PDB file of N, CA and C in Angstrom:
ATOM      1  N   MET A   1      32.170 192.810 252.548  1.00  0.00           N
ATOM      2  CA  MET A   1      32.705 194.120 252.647  1.00  0.00           C
ATOM      3  C   MET A   1      34.219 194.063 251.811  1.00  0.00           C
ATOM      4  N   LEU A   2      34.586 195.081 251.054  1.00  0.00           N
ATOM      5  CA  LEU A   2      35.687 195.105 250.518  1.00  0.00           C
ATOM      6  C   LEU A   2      36.779 195.631 251.301  1.00  0.00           C
ATOM      7  N   ILE A   3      37.989 195.180 251.096  1.00  0.00           N
ATOM      8  CA  ILE A   3      38.982 195.720 251.850  1.00  0.00           C
ATOM      9  C   ILE A   3      40.043 196.123 251.033  1.00  0.00           C
ATOM     10  N   GLY A   4      40.508 197.364 251.173  1.00  0.00           N
ATOM     11  CA  GLY A   4      41.456 197.930 250.394  1.00  0.00           C
ATOM     12  C   GLY A   4      40.888 198.788 249.339  1.00  0.00           C
ATOM     13  N   SER A   5      41.495 198.916 248.131  1.00  0.00           N
ATOM     14  CA  SER A   5      40.964 199.744 247.087  1.00  0.00           C
ATOM     15  C   SER A   5      40.961 199.034 245.792  1.00  0.00           C
ATOM     16  N   LEU A   6      39.866 199.480 244.998  1.00  0.00           N
ATOM     17  CA  LEU A   6      39.849 198.608 243.785  1.00  0.00           C
ATOM     18  C   LEU A   6      40.635 199.229 242.862  1.00  0.00           C
ATOM     19  N   PRO A   7      41.306 198.191 241.754  1.00  0.00           N
ATOM     20  CA  PRO A   7      42.289 198.812 240.927  1.00  0.00           C
ATOM     21  C   PRO A   7      41.495 199.620 239.974  1.00  0.00           C
ATOM     22  N   ASP A   8      42.120 200.746 239.157  1.00  0.00           N
ATOM     23  CA  ASP A   8      41.762 201.584 238.220  1.00  0.00           C
ATOM     24  C   ASP A   8      41.087 200.727 237.021  1.00  0.00           C
ATOM     25  N   LEU A   9      39.937 200.617 236.711  1.00  0.00           N
ATOM     26  CA  LEU A   9      39.387 199.738 235.496  1.00  0.00           C
ATOM     27  C   LEU A   9      40.058 200.016 234.319  1.00  0.00           C
ATOM     28  N   ARG A  10      40.752 201.147 234.104  1.00  0.00           N
ATOM     29  CA  ARG A  10      41.036 201.598 232.765  1.00  0.00           C
ATOM     30  C   ARG A  10      42.448 200.966 232.729  1.00  0.00           C
ATOM     31  N   GLU A  11      43.110 200.199 233.569  1.00  0.00           N
ATOM     32  CA  GLU A  11      44.427 199.676 233.876  1.00  0.00           C
ATOM     33  C   GLU A  11      44.278 198.126 233.664  1.00  0.00           C
ATOM     34  N   THR A  12      43.166 197.535 233.616  1.00  0.00           N
ATOM     35  CA  THR A  12      42.927 196.232 233.822  1.00  0.00           C
ATOM     36  C   THR A  12      42.793 195.806 232.276  1.00  0.00           C
ATOM     37  N   PRO A  13      43.124 194.562 231.921  1.00  0.00           N
ATOM     38  CA  PRO A  13      43.093 193.996 230.336  1.00  0.00           C
ATOM     39  C   PRO A  13      41.651 194.245 229.982  1.00  0.00           C
ATOM     40  N   SER A  14      40.547 193.878 231.036  1.00  0.00           N
ATOM     41  CA  SER A  14      39.236 194.054 230.397  1.00  0.00           C
ATOM     42  C   SER A  14      38.929 195.345 230.203  1.00  0.00           C
ATOM     43  N   GLY A  15      39.265 196.416 231.070  1.00  0.00           N
ATOM     44  CA  GLY A  15      39.126 197.878 230.721  1.00  0.00           C
ATOM     45  C   GLY A  15      39.718 198.472 229.658  1.00  0.00           C
ATOM     46  N   LYS A  16      40.927 198.117 229.323  1.00  0.00           N
ATOM     47  CA  LYS A  16      41.452 198.419 228.258  1.00  0.00           C
ATOM     48  C   LYS A  16      40.878 197.951 226.904  1.00  0.00           C
ATOM     49  N   ASP A  17      40.355 196.563 226.918  1.00  0.00           N
ATOM     50  CA  ASP A  17      39.556 196.202 225.852  1.00  0.00           C
ATOM     51  C   ASP A  17      38.503 196.777 225.528  1.00  0.00           C
ATOM     52  N   LEU A  18      37.623 197.292 226.607  1.00  0.00           N
ATOM     53  CA  LEU A  18      36.475 197.988 226.602  1.00  0.00           C
ATOM     54  C   LEU A  18      36.754 199.252 225.842  1.00  0.00           C
ATOM     55  N   ILE A  19      37.842 200.118 226.305  1.00  0.00           N
ATOM     56  CA  ILE A  19      38.151 201.266 226.041  1.00  0.00           C
ATOM     57  C   ILE A  19      38.470 201.231 224.430  1.00  0.00           C
ATOM     58  N   HIS A  20      39.299 200.013 224.022  1.00  0.00           N
ATOM     59  CA  HIS A  20      39.681 200.280 222.677  1.00  0.00           C
ATOM     60  C   HIS A  20      38.439 199.707 221.928  1.00  0.00           C
ATOM     61  N   ILE A  21      37.470 198.831 222.090  1.00  0.00           N
ATOM     62  CA  ILE A  21      36.167 198.811 221.737  1.00  0.00           C
ATOM     63  C   ILE A  21      35.408 200.019 221.246  1.00  0.00           C
ATOM     64  N   GLY A  22      35.477 200.897 222.288  1.00  0.00           N
ATOM     65  CA  GLY A  22      34.576 201.983 222.446  1.00  0.00           C
ATOM     66  C   GLY A  22      35.258 203.182 221.561  1.00  0.00           C
ATOM     67  N   ARG A  23      36.501 203.085 221.381  1.00  0.00           N
ATOM     68  CA  ARG A  23      37.239 204.084 220.350  1.00  0.00           C
ATOM     69  C   ARG A  23      36.945 203.577 219.008  1.00  0.00           C
ATOM     70  N   MET A  24      36.972 202.191 218.798  1.00  0.00           N
ATOM     71  CA  MET A  24      36.906 201.901 217.322  1.00  0.00           C
ATOM     72  C   MET A  24      35.469 202.084 216.923  1.00  0.00           C
ATOM     73  N   GLU A  25      34.654 201.905 217.965  1.00  0.00           N
ATOM     74  CA  GLU A  25      33.004 202.267 217.454  1.00  0.00           C
ATOM     75  C   GLU A  25      32.845 203.662 217.354  1.00  0.00           C
ATOM     76  N   GLY A  26      33.414 204.425 217.944  1.00  0.00           N
ATOM     77  CA  GLY A  26      33.235 205.898 217.998  1.00  0.00           C
ATOM     78  C   GLY A  26      34.012 206.497 216.456  1.00  0.00           C
ATOM     79  N   LYS A  27      35.337 205.863 216.352  1.00  0.00           N
ATOM     80  CA  LYS A  27      35.810 206.077 214.989  1.00  0.00           C
ATOM     81  C   LYS A  27      35.180 205.486 213.692  1.00  0.00           C
ATOM     82  N   ILE A  28      34.308 204.461 213.760  1.00  0.00           N
ATOM     83  CA  ILE A  28      33.556 203.991 212.532  1.00  0.00           C
ATOM     84  C   ILE A  28      32.316 204.899 212.742  1.00  0.00           C
ATOM     85  N   GLU A  29      31.823 205.215 213.660  1.00  0.00           N
ATOM     86  CA  GLU A  29      30.501 206.392 213.727  1.00  0.00           C
ATOM     87  C   GLU A  29      30.851 207.474 213.170  1.00  0.00           C
ATOM     88  N   GLY A  30      31.930 208.084 213.311  1.00  0.00           N
ATOM     89  CA  GLY A  30      32.505 209.333 213.029  1.00  0.00           C
ATOM     90  C   GLY A  30      32.763 209.372 211.524  1.00  0.00           C
ATOM     91  N   GLU A  31      33.349 208.172 210.940  1.00  0.00           N
ATOM     92  CA  GLU A  31      33.593 207.890 209.623  1.00  0.00           C
ATOM     93  C   GLU A  31      32.019 207.907 208.613  1.00  0.00           C
ATOM     94  N   ILE A  32      31.221 207.154 209.418  1.00  0.00           N
ATOM     95  CA  ILE A  32      30.194 207.212 208.735  1.00  0.00           C
ATOM     96  C   ILE A  32      29.379 208.473 208.431  1.00  0.00           C
ATOM     97  N   GLU A  33      29.290 209.336 209.741  1.00  0.00           N
ATOM     98  CA  GLU A  33      28.725 210.671 209.689  1.00  0.00           C
ATOM     99  C   GLU A  33      29.523 211.725 208.874  1.00  0.00           C
ATOM    100  N   GLY A  34      30.794 211.404 208.641  1.00  0.00           N
ATOM    101  CA  GLY A  34      31.637 212.286 207.577  1.00  0.00           C
ATOM    102  C   GLY A  34      31.106 211.965 206.107  1.00  0.00           C
ATOM    103  N   GLU A  35      30.851 210.554 205.892  1.00  0.00           N
ATOM    104  CA  GLU A  35      30.408 210.178 204.658  1.00  0.00           C
ATOM    105  C   GLU A  35      29.134 210.606 204.247  1.00  0.00           C
ATOM    106  N   ILE A  36      28.149 210.557 205.234  1.00  0.00           N
ATOM    107  CA  ILE A  36      26.763 211.022 205.052  1.00  0.00           C
ATOM    108  C   ILE A  36      26.770 212.535 204.886  1.00  0.00           C
ATOM    109  N   LYS A  37      27.635 213.301 205.492  1.00  0.00           N
ATOM    110  CA  LYS A  37      27.669 214.600 205.470  1.00  0.00           C
ATOM    111  C   LYS A  37      28.179 215.106 204.160  1.00  0.00           C
ATOM    112  N   GLY A  38      29.248 214.372 203.570  1.00  0.00           N
ATOM    113  CA  GLY A  38      29.838 214.639 202.357  1.00  0.00           C
ATOM    114  C   GLY A  38      28.717 214.550 201.228  1.00  0.00           C
ATOM    115  N   LYS A  39      28.078 213.457 201.319  1.00  0.00           N
ATOM    116  CA  LYS A  39      27.037 213.044 200.463  1.00  0.00           C
ATOM    117  C   LYS A  39      25.841 214.067 200.359  1.00  0.00           C
ATOM    118  N   ILE A  40      25.645 214.424 201.578  1.00  0.00           N
ATOM    119  CA  ILE A  40      24.598 215.634 201.591  1.00  0.00           C
ATOM    120  C   ILE A  40      24.841 216.899 200.949  1.00  0.00           C
ATOM    121  N   GLU A  41      26.326 216.997 201.243  1.00  0.00           N
ATOM    122  CA  GLU A  41      27.016 218.264 200.590  1.00  0.00           C
ATOM    123  C   GLU A  41      26.795 218.355 199.040  1.00  0.00           C
ATOM    124  N   ARG A  42      27.028 216.905 198.632  1.00  0.00           N
ATOM    125  CA  ARG A  42      27.014 216.846 196.975  1.00  0.00           C
ATOM    126  C   ARG A  42      25.711 216.842 196.382  1.00  0.00           C
ATOM    127  N   LEU A  43      24.779 216.428 197.433  1.00  0.00           N
ATOM    128  CA  LEU A  43      23.185 216.421 196.982  1.00  0.00           C
ATOM    129  C   LEU A  43      22.910 217.720 196.847  1.00  0.00           C
ATOM    130  N   LEU A  44      23.332 218.612 197.745  1.00  0.00           N
ATOM    131  CA  LEU A  44      22.790 220.163 197.806  1.00  0.00           C
ATOM    132  C   LEU A  44      23.474 220.682 196.741  1.00  0.00           C
ATOM    133  N   LEU A  45      24.547 220.552 196.499  1.00  0.00           N
ATOM    134  CA  LEU A  45      25.301 221.281 195.323  1.00  0.00           C
ATOM    135  C   LEU A  45      24.695 220.755 193.938  1.00  0.00           C
ATOM    136  N   VAL A  46      24.217 219.683 193.807  1.00  0.00           N
ATOM    137  CA  VAL A  46      23.731 219.148 192.428  1.00  0.00           C
ATOM    138  C   VAL A  46      22.179 219.859 192.304  1.00  0.00           C
ATOM    139  N   LEU A  47      21.650 220.025 193.383  1.00  0.00           N
ATOM    140  CA  LEU A  47      20.169 220.473 193.430  1.00  0.00           C
ATOM    141  C   LEU A  47      20.311 221.924 193.293  1.00  0.00           C
ATOM    142  N   ASN A  48      21.091 222.750 193.806  1.00  0.00           N
ATOM    143  CA  ASN A  48      21.306 223.943 193.908  1.00  0.00           C
ATOM    144  C   ASN A  48      21.726 224.355 192.322  1.00  0.00           C
ATOM    145  N   SER A  49      22.616 223.637 191.788  1.00  0.00           N
ATOM    146  CA  SER A  49      23.121 223.997 190.508  1.00  0.00           C
ATOM    147  C   SER A  49      22.131 223.543 189.428  1.00  0.00           C
ATOM    148  N   ARG A  50      21.371 222.455 189.734  1.00  0.00           N
ATOM    149  CA  ARG A  50      20.204 222.274 188.613  1.00  0.00           C
ATOM    150  C   ARG A  50      18.910 223.220 188.783  1.00  0.00           C
ATOM    151  N   PHE A  51      18.694 223.545 189.981  1.00  0.00           N
ATOM    152  CA  PHE A  51      17.069 224.252 190.133  1.00  0.00           C
ATOM    153  C   PHE A  51      17.243 225.566 191.193  1.00  0.00           C
ATOM    154  N   GLY A  52      18.521 225.886 191.339  1.00  0.00           N
ATOM    155  CA  GLY A  52      18.703 227.220 191.922  1.00  0.00           C
ATOM    156  C   GLY A  52      18.521 227.136 193.341  1.00  0.00           C
ATOM    157  N   GLN A  53      18.406 228.146 194.128  1.00  0.00           N
ATOM    158  CA  GLN A  53      18.249 228.170 195.628  1.00  0.00           C
ATOM    159  C   GLN A  53      16.973 227.244 196.052  1.00  0.00           C
ATOM    160  N   LEU A  54      17.357 226.423 197.023  1.00  0.00           N
ATOM    161  CA  LEU A  54      16.279 225.523 197.594  1.00  0.00           C
ATOM    162  C   LEU A  54      15.336 226.221 198.681  1.00  0.00           C
ATOM    163  N   ASP A  55      14.148 225.615 198.618  1.00  0.00           N
ATOM    164  CA  ASP A  55      13.231 226.107 199.669  1.00  0.00           C
ATOM    165  C   ASP A  55      14.227 225.629 201.258  1.00  0.00           C
ATOM    166  N   PRO A  56      14.111 226.639 202.156  1.00  0.00           N
ATOM    167  CA  PRO A  56      14.883 226.316 203.398  1.00  0.00           C
ATOM    168  C   PRO A  56      14.251 224.796 203.958  1.00  0.00           C
ATOM    169  N   LYS A  57      13.098 224.562 203.934  1.00  0.00           N
ATOM    170  CA  LYS A  57      12.410 223.317 204.530  1.00  0.00           C
ATOM    171  C   LYS A  57      12.939 222.376 203.914  1.00  0.00           C
ATOM    172  N   LEU A  58      13.148 222.220 202.534  1.00  0.00           N
ATOM    173  CA  LEU A  58      13.636 221.162 202.028  1.00  0.00           C
ATOM    174  C   LEU A  58      14.955 221.090 202.228  1.00  0.00           C
ATOM    175  N   LYS A  59      15.754 221.996 202.149  1.00  0.00           N
ATOM    176  CA  LYS A  59      17.310 221.941 202.759  1.00  0.00           C
ATOM    177  C   LYS A  59      17.531 221.323 203.908  1.00  0.00           C
ATOM    178  N   GLU A  60      16.705 221.881 205.026  1.00  0.00           N
ATOM    179  CA  GLU A  60      16.813 221.434 206.119  1.00  0.00           C
ATOM    180  C   GLU A  60      16.476 219.880 206.323  1.00  0.00           C
ATOM    181  N   ARG A  61      15.266 219.601 205.536  1.00  0.00           N
ATOM    182  CA  ARG A  61      15.015 218.098 205.536  1.00  0.00           C
ATOM    183  C   ARG A  61      15.913 217.220 205.252  1.00  0.00           C
ATOM    184  N   ILE A  62      16.902 217.609 203.917  1.00  0.00           N
ATOM    185  CA  ILE A  62      17.881 217.051 203.365  1.00  0.00           C
ATOM    186  C   ILE A  62      19.092 216.813 204.353  1.00  0.00           C
ATOM    187  N   GLU A  63      19.161 217.859 205.137  1.00  0.00           N
ATOM    188  CA  GLU A  63      20.245 217.897 206.191  1.00  0.00           C
ATOM    189  C   GLU A  63      20.005 217.220 207.142  1.00  0.00           C
ATOM    190  N   GLN A  64      19.059 216.607 207.456  1.00  0.00           N
ATOM    191  CA  GLN A  64      18.551 215.548 208.490  1.00  0.00           C
ATOM    192  C   GLN A  64      18.802 214.198 208.049  1.00  0.00           C
ATOM    193  N   ILE A  65      19.221 213.968 206.792  1.00  0.00           N
ATOM    194  CA  ILE A  65      19.127 212.615 206.321  1.00  0.00           C
ATOM    195  C   ILE A  65      20.210 211.817 207.067  1.00  0.00           C
ATOM    196  N   SER A  66      19.932 210.746 207.709  1.00  0.00           N
ATOM    197  CA  SER A  66      20.824 209.942 208.501  1.00  0.00           C
ATOM    198  C   SER A  66      21.386 208.549 208.013  1.00  0.00           C
ATOM    199  N   ALA A  67      21.114 208.380 206.945  1.00  0.00           N
ATOM    200  CA  ALA A  67      21.214 206.975 206.243  1.00  0.00           C
ATOM    201  C   ALA A  67      22.140 207.108 205.061  1.00  0.00           C
ATOM    202  N   ILE A  68      23.153 206.355 204.872  1.00  0.00           N
ATOM    203  CA  ILE A  68      23.921 206.495 203.589  1.00  0.00           C
ATOM    204  C   ILE A  68      23.193 206.113 202.310  1.00  0.00           C
ATOM    205  N   GLU A  69      22.430 205.154 202.550  1.00  0.00           N
ATOM    206  CA  GLU A  69      21.455 204.567 201.424  1.00  0.00           C
ATOM    207  C   GLU A  69      20.685 205.660 200.793  1.00  0.00           C
ATOM    208  N   GLN A  70      19.989 206.380 201.952  1.00  0.00           N
ATOM    209  CA  GLN A  70      19.066 207.279 201.512  1.00  0.00           C
ATOM    210  C   GLN A  70      19.512 208.539 200.657  1.00  0.00           C
ATOM    211  N   ALA A  71      20.916 208.881 201.305  1.00  0.00           N
ATOM    212  CA  ALA A  71      21.596 209.877 200.519  1.00  0.00           C
ATOM    213  C   ALA A  71      22.168 209.597 199.221  1.00  0.00           C
ATOM    214  N   ASP A  72      22.659 208.476 199.049  1.00  0.00           N
ATOM    215  CA  ASP A  72      23.053 207.741 197.681  1.00  0.00           C
ATOM    216  C   ASP A  72      21.854 208.005 196.837  1.00  0.00           C
ATOM    217  N   ARG A  73      20.431 207.214 197.236  1.00  0.00           N
ATOM    218  CA  ARG A  73      19.427 207.281 196.467  1.00  0.00           C
ATOM    219  C   ARG A  73      19.185 208.683 195.932  1.00  0.00           C
ATOM    220  N   LEU A  74      18.982 209.591 196.713  1.00  0.00           N
ATOM    221  CA  LEU A  74      18.555 210.980 196.498  1.00  0.00           C
ATOM    222  C   LEU A  74      19.374 211.796 195.481  1.00  0.00           C
ATOM    223  N   LEU A  75      20.775 211.361 195.731  1.00  0.00           N
ATOM    224  CA  LEU A  75      21.959 211.985 195.062  1.00  0.00           C
ATOM    225  C   LEU A  75      21.701 211.669 193.500  1.00  0.00           C
ATOM    226  N   LEU A  76      21.501 210.154 193.396  1.00  0.00           N
ATOM    227  CA  LEU A  76      21.289 209.624 192.013  1.00  0.00           C
ATOM    228  C   LEU A  76      19.997 210.169 191.455  1.00  0.00           C
ATOM    229  N   ARG A  77      18.935 210.204 192.224  1.00  0.00           N
ATOM    230  CA  ARG A  77      17.482 210.680 191.613  1.00  0.00           C
ATOM    231  C   ARG A  77      17.943 212.224 191.139  1.00  0.00           C
ATOM    232  N   ALA A  78      18.611 213.094 192.026  1.00  0.00           N
ATOM    233  CA  ALA A  78      18.764 214.516 191.742  1.00  0.00           C
ATOM    234  C   ALA A  78      19.353 214.458 190.314  1.00  0.00           C
ATOM    235  N   LEU A  79      20.087 213.694 189.798  1.00  0.00           N
ATOM    236  CA  LEU A  79      20.663 213.749 188.672  1.00  0.00           C
ATOM    237  C   LEU A  79      19.839 213.404 187.430  1.00  0.00           C
ATOM    238  N   GLU A  80      18.565 212.930 187.837  1.00  0.00           N
ATOM    239  CA  GLU A  80      17.591 212.249 186.793  1.00  0.00           C
ATOM    240  C   GLU A  80      16.272 213.074 186.705  1.00  0.00           C
ATOM    241  N   ILE A  81      15.973 213.939 187.608  1.00  0.00           N
ATOM    242  CA  ILE A  81      14.701 214.577 187.773  1.00  0.00           C
ATOM    243  C   ILE A  81      14.776 215.973 186.805  1.00  0.00           C
ATOM    244  N   ALA A  82      13.642 216.214 186.231  1.00  0.00           N
ATOM    245  CA  ALA A  82      13.519 217.357 185.471  1.00  0.00           C
ATOM    246  C   ALA A  82      13.088 218.666 186.380  1.00  0.00           C
ATOM    247  N   SER A  83      12.413 218.424 187.491  1.00  0.00           N
ATOM    248  CA  SER A  83      11.916 219.397 188.440  1.00  0.00           C
ATOM    249  C   SER A  83      12.119 218.949 189.828  1.00  0.00           C
ATOM    250  N   ILE A  84      12.609 219.984 190.792  1.00  0.00           N
ATOM    251  CA  ILE A  84      12.673 219.643 192.254  1.00  0.00           C
ATOM    252  C   ILE A  84      11.406 218.968 192.962  1.00  0.00           C
ATOM    253  N   ASP A  85      10.265 219.210 192.151  1.00  0.00           N
ATOM    254  CA  ASP A  85       9.001 218.567 192.740  1.00  0.00           C
ATOM    255  C   ASP A  85       9.183 217.036 192.581  1.00  0.00           C
ATOM    256  N   GLU A  86       9.915 216.445 191.635  1.00  0.00           N
ATOM    257  CA  GLU A  86      10.071 214.928 191.629  1.00  0.00           C
ATOM    258  C   GLU A  86      10.921 214.413 192.790  1.00  0.00           C
ATOM    259  N   LEU A  87      11.518 215.264 193.331  1.00  0.00           N
ATOM    260  CA  LEU A  87      12.636 214.534 194.261  1.00  0.00           C
ATOM    261  C   LEU A  87      11.504 214.300 195.394  1.00  0.00           C
ATOM    262  N   THR A  88      11.573 212.897 195.807  1.00  0.00           N
ATOM    263  CA  THR A  88      10.894 212.246 196.924  1.00  0.00           C
ATOM    264  C   THR A  88      11.734 211.215 197.755  1.00  0.00           C
ATOM    265  N   PHE A  89      11.386 211.459 199.070  1.00  0.00           N
ATOM    266  CA  PHE A  89      12.315 210.750 200.176  1.00  0.00           C
ATOM    267  C   PHE A  89      11.732 209.637 200.585  1.00  0.00           C
TER     268      PHE A  89
END
């Protein structure tokens, strides 16, 4: 049985380390999400510029991209294709 109160874990060295790690991971995740969002915005801009208003289902599918590599590949592909029908995921 414990006697007395436990220390606030946020004030212990281990607790501070865990908080720091969590913040760093959150920052990295936020940066990645921001990068993906920026690439998706550029992809949509290129597609709208080249092919006009996109089908809402296609736009929604593009907005759900969650991998930087896929967004990069589609953005490069969008510059090469002659028709929106050539865009493959």
